[in-house]
C-alpha atoms as a PDB file:
ATOM      1  CA  MET A   1      91.779 133.992 149.799  1.00  0.00           C
ATOM      2  CA  ARG A   2      92.475 137.743 149.589  1.00  0.00           C
ATOM      3  CA  MET A   3      94.700 139.108 152.389  1.00  0.00           C
ATOM      4  CA  ILE A   4      93.810 142.513 153.875  1.00  0.00           C
ATOM      5  CA  SER A   5      96.120 144.575 156.046  1.00  0.00           C
ATOM      6  CA  LEU A   6      94.681 147.511 158.001  1.00  0.00           C
ATOM      7  CA  HIS A   7      96.766 150.044 159.841  1.00  0.00           C
ATOM      8  CA  PHE A   8      95.228 152.663 162.100  1.00  0.00           C
ATOM      9  CA  PRO A   9      97.624 155.465 162.953  1.00  0.00           C
ATOM     10  CA  THR A  10      95.360 157.248 165.435  1.00  0.00           C
ATOM     11  CA  PRO A  11      94.598 155.998 168.938  1.00  0.00           C
ATOM     12  CA  SER A  12      90.879 156.826 168.591  1.00  0.00           C
ATOM     13  CA  LEU A  13      90.017 153.119 168.198  1.00  0.00           C
ATOM     14  CA  SER A  14      87.734 151.639 170.819  1.00  0.00           C
ATOM     15  CA  LEU A  15      87.019 147.942 171.239  1.00  0.00           C
ATOM     16  CA  LEU A  16      83.456 146.960 171.875  1.00  0.00           C
ATOM     17  CA  THR A  17      83.516 143.457 173.200  1.00  0.00           C
ATOM     18  CA  SER A  18      81.727 141.607 175.886  1.00  0.00           C
ATOM     19  CA  ASP A  19      85.020 140.990 177.601  1.00  0.00           C
ATOM     20  CA  SER A  20      88.226 142.837 178.418  1.00  0.00           C
ATOM     21  CA  ASN A  21      91.167 143.351 176.077  1.00  0.00           C
ATOM     22  CA  SER A  22      93.246 140.875 177.985  1.00  0.00           C
ATOM     23  CA  ARG A  23      90.629 138.252 177.405  1.00  0.00           C
ATOM     24  CA  PHE A  24      90.474 139.105 173.729  1.00  0.00           C
ATOM     25  CA  LEU A  25      94.190 138.526 173.343  1.00  0.00           C
ATOM     26  CA  GLN A  26      93.913 135.011 174.655  1.00  0.00           C
ATOM     27  CA  LYS A  27      93.858 132.185 172.144  1.00  0.00           C
ATOM     28  CA  SER A  28      90.459 130.620 171.724  1.00  0.00           C
ATOM     29  CA  SER A  29      89.516 127.527 169.837  1.00  0.00           C
ATOM     30  CA  THR A  30      86.107 128.913 169.002  1.00  0.00           C
ATOM     31  CA  ASN A  31      87.552 131.918 167.095  1.00  0.00           C
ATOM     32  CA  PRO A  32      85.261 134.612 168.587  1.00  0.00           C
ATOM     33  CA  ILE A  33      84.164 137.385 166.203  1.00  0.00           C
ATOM     34  CA  THR A  34      85.171 140.846 167.359  1.00  0.00           C
ATOM     35  CA  ARG A  35      83.714 144.099 166.079  1.00  0.00           C
ATOM     36  CA  PHE A  36      85.692 147.308 165.746  1.00  0.00           C
ATOM     37  CA  ASN A  37      83.951 150.691 165.906  1.00  0.00           C
ATOM     38  CA  PHE A  38      85.598 153.789 164.515  1.00  0.00           C
ATOM     39  CA  THR A  39      84.947 157.263 165.931  1.00  0.00           C
ATOM     40  CA  ASN A  40      85.134 159.181 162.654  1.00  0.00           C
ATOM     41  CA  GLN A  41      82.956 156.798 160.565  1.00  0.00           C
ATOM     42  CA  SER A  42      79.994 154.577 161.256  1.00  0.00           C
ATOM     43  CA  GLN A  43      81.381 151.296 159.914  1.00  0.00           C
ATOM     44  CA  SER A  44      81.897 147.839 161.299  1.00  0.00           C
ATOM     45  CA  ILE A  45      84.376 145.128 160.163  1.00  0.00           C
ATOM     46  CA  TYR A  46      84.085 141.482 161.121  1.00  0.00           C
ATOM     47  CA  LEU A  47      87.410 139.791 161.643  1.00  0.00           C
ATOM     48  CA  ARG A  48      88.392 136.318 162.583  1.00  0.00           C
ATOM     49  CA  ARG A  49      91.827 136.942 163.948  1.00  0.00           C
ATOM     50  CA  VAL A  50      93.443 140.154 164.981  1.00  0.00           C
ATOM     51  CA  SER A  51      96.946 140.620 166.342  1.00  0.00           C
ATOM     52  CA  PHE A  52      98.298 143.744 167.862  1.00  0.00           C
ATOM     53  CA  LYS A  53     101.809 145.013 167.639  1.00  0.00           C
ATOM     54  CA  ALA A  54     102.885 147.474 170.282  1.00  0.00           C
ATOM     55  CA  THR A  55     104.885 150.185 168.540  1.00  0.00           C
ATOM     56  CA  HIS A  56     104.346 152.838 171.207  1.00  0.00           C
ATOM     57  CA  SER A  57     103.142 152.922 174.762  1.00  0.00           C
ATOM     58  CA  ASN A  58     100.056 154.898 173.685  1.00  0.00           C
ATOM     59  CA  ARG A  59      99.413 153.304 170.235  1.00  0.00           C
ATOM     60  CA  ARG A  60      98.448 149.903 168.882  1.00  0.00           C
ATOM     61  CA  ASN A  61      98.434 148.931 165.236  1.00  0.00           C
ATOM     62  CA  PRO A  62      96.032 146.055 164.405  1.00  0.00           C
ATOM     63  CA  SER A  63      96.875 143.839 161.458  1.00  0.00           C
ATOM     64  CA  CYS A  64      94.247 141.781 159.660  1.00  0.00           C
ATOM     65  CA  HIS A  65      95.669 138.583 158.210  1.00  0.00           C
ATOM     66  CA  GLY A  66      92.460 137.249 156.691  1.00  0.00           C
ATOM     67  CA  THR A  67      88.723 137.321 156.671  1.00  0.00           C
ATOM     68  CA  LYS A  68      86.471 134.333 156.754  1.00  0.00           C
ATOM     69  CA  ASP A  69      82.963 133.605 157.785  1.00  0.00           C
ATOM     70  CA  SER A  70      82.605 130.937 160.463  1.00  0.00           C
ATOM     71  CA  SER A  71      80.390 128.814 158.175  1.00  0.00           C
ATOM     72  CA  GLU A  72      82.820 128.802 155.152  1.00  0.00           C
ATOM     73  CA  THR A  73      85.072 125.979 154.114  1.00  0.00           C
ATOM     74  CA  THR A  74      88.195 126.232 152.013  1.00  0.00           C
ATOM     75  CA  LYS A  75      87.515 125.666 148.263  1.00  0.00           C
ATOM     76  CA  SER A  76      89.266 126.401 145.009  1.00  0.00           C
ATOM     77  CA  ALA A  77      88.315 129.544 143.180  1.00  0.00           C
ATOM     78  CA  PRO A  78      85.577 128.889 140.592  1.00  0.00           C
ATOM     79  CA  SER A  79      86.530 129.282 136.972  1.00  0.00           C
ATOM     80  CA  LEU A  80      85.090 132.110 134.930  1.00  0.00           C
ATOM     81  CA  ASP A  81      82.932 129.823 132.846  1.00  0.00           C
ATOM     82  CA  SER A  82      81.658 127.665 135.679  1.00  0.00           C
ATOM     83  CA  GLY A  83      78.642 129.903 136.365  1.00  0.00           C
ATOM     84  CA  GLY A  84      79.782 130.146 139.958  1.00  0.00           C
ATOM     85  CA  GLY A  85      78.910 132.760 142.530  1.00  0.00           C
ATOM     86  CA  ASN A  86      77.787 131.020 145.622  1.00  0.00           C
ATOM     87  CA  ASP A  87      79.157 127.751 146.883  1.00  0.00           C
ATOM     88  CA  ALA A  88      76.282 125.396 146.055  1.00  0.00           C
ATOM     89  CA  GLY A  89      74.668 127.031 143.061  1.00  0.00           C
ATOM     90  CA  GLY A  90      77.918 128.000 141.311  1.00  0.00           C
ATOM     91  CA  GLY A  91      79.555 124.598 141.509  1.00  0.00           C
ATOM     92  CA  GLY A  92      76.371 122.796 140.551  1.00  0.00           C
ATOM     93  CA  GLY A  93      75.817 125.087 137.579  1.00  0.00           C
ATOM     94  CA  GLY A  94      79.269 124.351 136.182  1.00  0.00           C
ATOM     95  CA  ASP A  95      78.759 120.597 136.450  1.00  0.00           C
ATOM     96  CA  ASN A  96      75.394 120.776 134.722  1.00  0.00           C
ATOM     97  CA  GLY A  97      76.943 122.777 131.881  1.00  0.00           C
ATOM     98  CA  ASP A  98      79.577 120.097 131.303  1.00  0.00           C
ATOM     99  CA  ASP A  99      76.902 117.392 131.215  1.00  0.00           C
ATOM    100  CA  ASP A 100      74.854 119.391 128.731  1.00  0.00           C
ATOM    101  CA  ASN A 101      77.902 119.888 126.503  1.00  0.00           C
ATOM    102  CA  SER A 102      78.608 116.156 126.613  1.00  0.00           C
ATOM    103  CA  ASP A 103      75.037 115.370 125.618  1.00  0.00           C
ATOM    104  CA  VAL A 104      75.200 117.815 122.699  1.00  0.00           C
ATOM    105  CA  GLU A 105      78.533 116.352 121.530  1.00  0.00           C
ATOM    106  CA  GLY A 106      77.063 112.851 121.719  1.00  0.00           C
ATOM    107  CA  LYS A 107      74.063 113.845 119.603  1.00  0.00           C
ATOM    108  CA  ASN A 108      76.233 115.644 117.042  1.00  0.00           C
ATOM    109  CA  ARG A 109      78.711 112.746 116.717  1.00  0.00           C
ATOM    110  CA  LEU A 110      78.793 111.325 113.167  1.00  0.00           C
ATOM    111  CA  PHE A 111      80.203 107.949 114.228  1.00  0.00           C
ATOM    112  CA  PRO A 112      80.123 105.902 117.441  1.00  0.00           C
ATOM    113  CA  GLU A 113      82.776 106.809 119.966  1.00  0.00           C
ATOM    114  CA  TRP A 114      84.808 103.688 119.181  1.00  0.00           C
ATOM    115  CA  LEU A 115      84.953 104.731 115.507  1.00  0.00           C
ATOM    116  CA  ASP A 116      86.194 108.264 116.129  1.00  0.00           C
ATOM    117  CA  PHE A 117      89.600 108.941 114.563  1.00  0.00           C
ATOM    118  CA  THR A 118      92.124 111.482 115.694  1.00  0.00           C
ATOM    119  CA  SER A 119      94.650 112.980 113.322  1.00  0.00           C
ATOM    120  CA  ASP A 120      97.284 110.577 114.684  1.00  0.00           C
ATOM    121  CA  ASP A 121      94.998 107.604 113.975  1.00  0.00           C
ATOM    122  CA  ALA A 122      94.435 108.810 110.421  1.00  0.00           C
ATOM    123  CA  LYS A 123      98.184 109.192 109.871  1.00  0.00           C
ATOM    124  CA  THR A 124      98.807 105.667 111.207  1.00  0.00           C
ATOM    125  CA  VAL A 125      96.168 104.123 108.940  1.00  0.00           C
ATOM    126  CA  PHE A 126      97.447 106.054 105.928  1.00  0.00           C
ATOM    127  CA  LEU A 127     101.038 104.986 106.630  1.00  0.00           C
ATOM    128  CA  ALA A 128     100.019 101.332 107.060  1.00  0.00           C
ATOM    129  CA  ILE A 129      98.106 101.325 103.764  1.00  0.00           C
ATOM    130  CA  THR A 130     100.958 103.048 101.949  1.00  0.00           C
ATOM    131  CA  VAL A 131     103.559 100.596 103.261  1.00  0.00           C
ATOM    132  CA  SER A 132     101.327  97.627 102.402  1.00  0.00           C
ATOM    133  CA  LEU A 133     100.730  98.810  98.845  1.00  0.00           C
ATOM    134  CA  ALA A 134     104.389  99.665  98.334  1.00  0.00           C
ATOM    135  CA  PHE A 135     105.434  96.235  99.634  1.00  0.00           C
ATOM    136  CA  ARG A 136     102.965  94.493  97.331  1.00  0.00           C
ATOM    137  CA  TYR A 137     103.882  96.555  94.284  1.00  0.00           C
ATOM    138  CA  PHE A 138     107.683  96.627  94.600  1.00  0.00           C
ATOM    139  CA  ILE A 139     108.764  93.703  96.816  1.00  0.00           C
ATOM    140  CA  ALA A 140     106.415  90.703  96.978  1.00  0.00           C
ATOM    141  CA  GLU A 141     102.814  89.620  96.779  1.00  0.00           C
ATOM    142  CA  PRO A 142     100.804  86.490  97.630  1.00  0.00           C
ATOM    143  CA  ARG A 143      99.185  84.380  94.921  1.00  0.00           C
ATOM    144  CA  TYR A 144      96.620  81.595  94.724  1.00  0.00           C
ATOM    145  CA  ILE A 145      96.851  78.568  92.399  1.00  0.00           C
ATOM    146  CA  PRO A 146      93.540  78.023  90.551  1.00  0.00           C
ATOM    147  CA  SER A 147      94.417  75.132  88.203  1.00  0.00           C
ATOM    148  CA  LEU A 148      96.449  71.960  87.736  1.00  0.00           C
ATOM    149  CA  SER A 149      98.752  73.310  85.010  1.00  0.00           C
ATOM    150  CA  MET A 150     101.721  73.322  87.434  1.00  0.00           C
ATOM    151  CA  TYR A 151     100.938  69.996  89.108  1.00  0.00           C
ATOM    152  CA  PRO A 152     102.698  68.275  90.931  1.00  0.00           C
ATOM    153  CA  THR A 153     104.775  71.334  91.937  1.00  0.00           C
ATOM    154  CA  PHE A 154     101.581  73.231  92.820  1.00  0.00           C
ATOM    155  CA  ASP A 155      98.128  71.864  93.498  1.00  0.00           C
ATOM    156  CA  VAL A 156      94.805  73.695  93.289  1.00  0.00           C
ATOM    157  CA  GLY A 157      94.398  75.917  96.352  1.00  0.00           C
ATOM    158  CA  ASP A 158      98.103  76.295  97.097  1.00  0.00           C
ATOM    159  CA  ARG A 159      99.192  79.776  98.134  1.00  0.00           C
ATOM    160  CA  LEU A 160     102.615  81.202  97.416  1.00  0.00           C
ATOM    161  CA  VAL A 161     104.710  84.340  97.710  1.00  0.00           C
ATOM    162  CA  ALA A 162     106.164  85.863  94.553  1.00  0.00           C
ATOM    163  CA  GLU A 163     109.109  88.212  95.032  1.00  0.00           C
ATOM    164  CA  LYS A 164     109.889  91.086  92.667  1.00  0.00           C
ATOM    165  CA  VAL A 165     113.320  92.265  93.806  1.00  0.00           C
ATOM    166  CA  SER A 166     115.704  89.853  92.090  1.00  0.00           C
ATOM    167  CA  TYR A 167     114.641  90.862  88.572  1.00  0.00           C
ATOM    168  CA  TYR A 168     115.716  94.424  89.295  1.00  0.00           C
ATOM    169  CA  PHE A 169     119.297  93.086  89.247  1.00  0.00           C
ATOM    170  CA  ARG A 170     119.203  90.168  86.781  1.00  0.00           C
ATOM    171  CA  LYS A 171     117.117  88.758  83.987  1.00  0.00           C
ATOM    172  CA  PRO A 172     114.890  85.713  84.505  1.00  0.00           C
ATOM    173  CA  CYS A 173     116.570  82.384  83.786  1.00  0.00           C
ATOM    174  CA  ALA A 174     115.557  78.808  83.049  1.00  0.00           C
ATOM    175  CA  ASN A 175     113.886  76.885  85.913  1.00  0.00           C
ATOM    176  CA  ASP A 176     112.450  80.082  87.490  1.00  0.00           C
ATOM    177  CA  ILE A 177     108.743  79.780  88.259  1.00  0.00           C
ATOM    178  CA  VAL A 178     107.184  83.095  87.306  1.00  0.00           C
ATOM    179  CA  ILE A 179     103.795  84.758  87.532  1.00  0.00           C
ATOM    180  CA  PHE A 180     102.903  87.017  84.633  1.00  0.00           C
ATOM    181  CA  LYS A 181     100.142  89.041  83.029  1.00  0.00           C
ATOM    182  CA  SER A 182      98.609  87.668  79.873  1.00  0.00           C
ATOM    183  CA  PRO A 183     100.784  88.521  76.815  1.00  0.00           C
ATOM    184  CA  PRO A 184      99.408  90.458  73.822  1.00  0.00           C
ATOM    185  CA  VAL A 185      98.624  87.298  71.860  1.00  0.00           C
ATOM    186  CA  LEU A 186      96.271  86.143  74.640  1.00  0.00           C
ATOM    187  CA  GLN A 187      94.689  89.565  75.052  1.00  0.00           C
ATOM    188  CA  GLU A 188      93.708  89.362  71.390  1.00  0.00           C
ATOM    189  CA  VAL A 189      91.498  86.387  72.231  1.00  0.00           C
ATOM    190  CA  GLY A 190      89.820  87.933  75.268  1.00  0.00           C
ATOM    191  CA  TYR A 191      92.297  87.887  78.156  1.00  0.00           C
ATOM    192  CA  THR A 192      93.229  91.082  80.042  1.00  0.00           C
ATOM    193  CA  ASP A 193      96.049  92.371  82.246  1.00  0.00           C
ATOM    194  CA  ALA A 194      93.998  91.246  85.235  1.00  0.00           C
ATOM    195  CA  ASP A 195      94.461  87.625  84.157  1.00  0.00           C
ATOM    196  CA  VAL A 196      97.619  86.270  85.798  1.00  0.00           C
ATOM    197  CA  PHE A 197      99.320  82.971  84.956  1.00  0.00           C
ATOM    198  CA  ILE A 198     102.035  80.895  86.586  1.00  0.00           C
ATOM    199  CA  LYS A 199     104.527  78.796  84.559  1.00  0.00           C
ATOM    200  CA  ARG A 200     108.135  77.657  84.592  1.00  0.00           C
ATOM    201  CA  ILE A 201     110.738  79.253  82.321  1.00  0.00           C
ATOM    202  CA  VAL A 202     112.368  76.581  80.150  1.00  0.00           C
ATOM    203  CA  ALA A 203     114.389  78.785  77.773  1.00  0.00           C
ATOM    204  CA  LYS A 204     115.645  82.371  77.596  1.00  0.00           C
ATOM    205  CA  GLU A 205     116.262  84.820  74.760  1.00  0.00           C
ATOM    206  CA  GLY A 206     118.431  83.429  71.977  1.00  0.00           C
ATOM    207  CA  ASP A 207     117.756  79.772  72.918  1.00  0.00           C
ATOM    208  CA  LEU A 208     116.422  77.250  70.426  1.00  0.00           C
ATOM    209  CA  VAL A 209     113.691  75.160  72.039  1.00  0.00           C
ATOM    210  CA  GLU A 210     111.732  72.149  70.723  1.00  0.00           C
ATOM    211  CA  VAL A 211     109.854  69.057  71.919  1.00  0.00           C
ATOM    212  CA  HIS A 212     110.725  65.757  70.301  1.00  0.00           C
ATOM    213  CA  ASN A 213     110.028  62.159  71.320  1.00  0.00           C
ATOM    214  CA  GLY A 214     108.679  63.146  74.729  1.00  0.00           C
ATOM    215  CA  LYS A 215     111.721  65.259  75.532  1.00  0.00           C
ATOM    216  CA  LEU A 216     112.199  68.988  75.893  1.00  0.00           C
ATOM    217  CA  MET A 217     115.235  69.990  73.856  1.00  0.00           C
ATOM    218  CA  VAL A 218     117.015  73.329  74.429  1.00  0.00           C
ATOM    219  CA  ASN A 219     119.850  74.188  72.058  1.00  0.00           C
ATOM    220  CA  GLY A 220     119.892  70.554  70.991  1.00  0.00           C
ATOM    221  CA  VAL A 221     120.323  69.277  74.555  1.00  0.00           C
ATOM    222  CA  PRO A 222     117.578  67.160  76.217  1.00  0.00           C
ATOM    223  CA  ARG A 223     116.505  68.734  79.484  1.00  0.00           C
ATOM    224  CA  ASN A 224     116.451  66.512  82.599  1.00  0.00           C
ATOM    225  CA  GLU A 225     113.198  67.447  84.340  1.00  0.00           C
ATOM    226  CA  SER A 226     112.359  65.405  87.439  1.00  0.00           C
ATOM    227  CA  PHE A 227     109.668  67.853  88.556  1.00  0.00           C
ATOM    228  CA  ILE A 228     107.182  67.312  85.674  1.00  0.00           C
ATOM    229  CA  LEU A 229     104.128  65.052  86.019  1.00  0.00           C
ATOM    230  CA  GLU A 230     104.743  63.111  82.804  1.00  0.00           C
ATOM    231  CA  PRO A 231     106.635  63.497  79.492  1.00  0.00           C
ATOM    232  CA  PRO A 232     104.943  65.679  76.900  1.00  0.00           C
ATOM    233  CA  GLY A 233     102.788  63.729  74.472  1.00  0.00           C
ATOM    234  CA  TYR A 234     103.137  66.179  71.610  1.00  0.00           C
ATOM    235  CA  GLU A 235     105.747  67.356  69.135  1.00  0.00           C
ATOM    236  CA  MET A 236     106.889  70.968  68.766  1.00  0.00           C
ATOM    237  CA  THR A 237     109.052  72.265  65.989  1.00  0.00           C
ATOM    238  CA  PRO A 238     112.164  74.296  66.938  1.00  0.00           C
ATOM    239  CA  VAL A 239     111.444  77.902  68.026  1.00  0.00           C
ATOM    240  CA  ARG A 240     114.056  80.619  68.541  1.00  0.00           C
ATOM    241  CA  VAL A 241     113.252  82.726  71.615  1.00  0.00           C
ATOM    242  CA  PRO A 242     113.319  86.411  70.601  1.00  0.00           C
ATOM    243  CA  GLU A 243     115.094  89.211  72.463  1.00  0.00           C
ATOM    244  CA  ASN A 244     113.584  90.338  75.776  1.00  0.00           C
ATOM    245  CA  SER A 245     111.412  87.220  75.914  1.00  0.00           C
ATOM    246  CA  VAL A 246     111.364  83.798  77.560  1.00  0.00           C
ATOM    247  CA  PHE A 247     109.723  80.452  76.794  1.00  0.00           C
ATOM    248  CA  VAL A 248     107.432  79.100  79.549  1.00  0.00           C
ATOM    249  CA  MET A 249     105.718  75.755  80.168  1.00  0.00           C
ATOM    250  CA  GLY A 250     103.612  74.171  82.902  1.00  0.00           C
ATOM    251  CA  ASP A 251     104.986  71.219  84.882  1.00  0.00           C
ATOM    252  CA  ASN A 252     101.830  69.332  83.882  1.00  0.00           C
ATOM    253  CA  ARG A 253     103.003  69.384  80.260  1.00  0.00           C
ATOM    254  CA  ASN A 254      99.973  67.686  78.769  1.00  0.00           C
ATOM    255  CA  ASN A 255      97.482  69.895  80.593  1.00  0.00           C
ATOM    256  CA  SER A 256      98.984  73.386  80.325  1.00  0.00           C
ATOM    257  CA  TYR A 257      98.103  76.371  78.159  1.00  0.00           C
ATOM    258  CA  ASP A 258     101.629  77.747  77.686  1.00  0.00           C
ATOM    259  CA  SER A 259     104.264  78.902  75.200  1.00  0.00           C
ATOM    260  CA  HIS A 260     104.057  75.738  73.121  1.00  0.00           C
ATOM    261  CA  VAL A 261     100.547  76.964  72.179  1.00  0.00           C
ATOM    262  CA  TRP A 262     100.759  80.780  72.091  1.00  0.00           C
ATOM    263  CA  GLY A 263     104.517  81.449  71.757  1.00  0.00           C
ATOM    264  CA  PRO A 264     107.246  83.272  73.761  1.00  0.00           C
ATOM    265  CA  LEU A 265     106.438  85.532  76.733  1.00  0.00           C
ATOM    266  CA  PRO A 266     107.716  89.166  76.775  1.00  0.00           C
ATOM    267  CA  LEU A 267     109.809  89.960  79.861  1.00  0.00           C
ATOM    268  CA  LYS A 268     107.753  93.101  80.567  1.00  0.00           C
ATOM    269  CA  ASN A 269     104.731  90.928  81.391  1.00  0.00           C
ATOM    270  CA  ILE A 270     106.497  89.118  84.234  1.00  0.00           C
ATOM    271  CA  ILE A 271     105.294  90.217  87.674  1.00  0.00           C
ATOM    272  CA  GLY A 272     107.581  88.197  89.929  1.00  0.00           C
ATOM    273  CA  ARG A 273     109.224  84.913  90.818  1.00  0.00           C
ATOM    274  CA  SER A 274     107.704  82.265  93.079  1.00  0.00           C
ATOM    275  CA  VAL A 275     109.963  81.631  96.078  1.00  0.00           C
ATOM    276  CA  PHE A 276     107.828  80.195  98.878  1.00  0.00           C
ATOM    277  CA  ARG A 277     104.627  78.179  99.375  1.00  0.00           C
ATOM    278  CA  TYR A 278     102.954  79.045 102.690  1.00  0.00           C
ATOM    279  CA  TRP A 279      99.712  77.098 102.291  1.00  0.00           C
ATOM    280  CA  PRO A 280      98.636  74.391 103.004  1.00  0.00           C
ATOM    281  CA  PRO A 281     100.581  73.964 106.263  1.00  0.00           C
ATOM    282  CA  ASN A 282     101.597  70.372 105.472  1.00  0.00           C
ATOM    283  CA  ARG A 283     103.209  71.503 102.200  1.00  0.00           C
ATOM    284  CA  VAL A 284     105.037  74.633 103.358  1.00  0.00           C
ATOM    285  CA  SER A 285     108.299  74.791 101.404  1.00  0.00           C
ATOM    286  CA  GLY A 286     110.496  76.812  99.120  1.00  0.00           C
ATOM    287  CA  THR A 287     109.774  76.751  95.389  1.00  0.00           C
ATOM    288  CA  VAL A 288     113.229  77.547  94.019  1.00  0.00           C
ATOM    289  CA  LEU A 289     115.209  74.576  92.671  1.00  0.00           C
ATOM    290  CA  GLU A 290     118.450  73.880  94.494  1.00  0.00           C
ATOM    291  CA  GLY A 291     120.390  73.757  91.241  1.00  0.00           C
ATOM    292  CA  GLY A 292     119.308  77.281  90.305  1.00  0.00           C
ATOM    293  CA  CYS A 293     119.256  78.314  86.679  1.00  0.00           C
ATOM    294  CA  ALA A 294     119.577  75.525  84.126  1.00  0.00           C
ATOM    295  CA  VAL A 295     122.687  75.655  81.966  1.00  0.00           C
ATOM    296  CA  ASP A 296     122.588  73.947  78.568  1.00  0.00           C
ATOM    297  CA  ILE A 297     125.805  72.961  76.790  1.00  0.00           C
ATOM    298  CA  GLN A 298     125.265  72.535  73.081  1.00  0.00           C
ATOM    299  CA  GLN A 299     126.581  69.234  71.768  1.00  0.00           C
END
């Protein structure tokens, strides 16, 4: 509310009221409206409350502290874009404008309200996808067993986690169960990089490996393998594992398409090492042998 202060220096002011000045100065709960008439100008001012300060015996200075119509109520000032002016029409116009804007926004919305993304939402989704892909590419990834080539260690439908960190610091060793992309010799017969296998490493680079009389021989030493389904029923002549390669076999030796058929596996094709089976729940366990890497002492 705007405050107005009026000072009249001349004593030519006359009060036109229905009562005396002494009555006017009394406090009234009904806030009577008093009209002031000026001698030098035909003008009237309606005031709610007027107080007089006696500065001289022949002079009174009225001060106006505020103006307000008796029918008004206190309200906040309307905003510039509310379409306000009067009390009812102005406020109502602003509200209708907001509703219209909401309707227009709803019609122009490309997606439902629950699908709308803010910039923060987009950043969160992007970060989550980036972290997930980075984790899968550099650290570990889940895998599904589609065949019986590794039975009884893995059955069809088992799910495992293959980690990729340890081979940043060491080379693969015997007894590691690895997942790998198809080597070049298999890609020549129709396989692609998308085809992933899982086998157990039985020999590393420089080792001499053979199968004789149902036994796997590495560097002339028979390997004690309690994890295989049954002894191999075939013979394999000695093979020297070349540099940067390993020799892999399935634990189901008689039902596995592995290195005894297509030769050594290049290290660059290895994706990771199986460390944990998380499905099915009744077979949750680690997949790393307690003894670690096999060590063969040549006799």
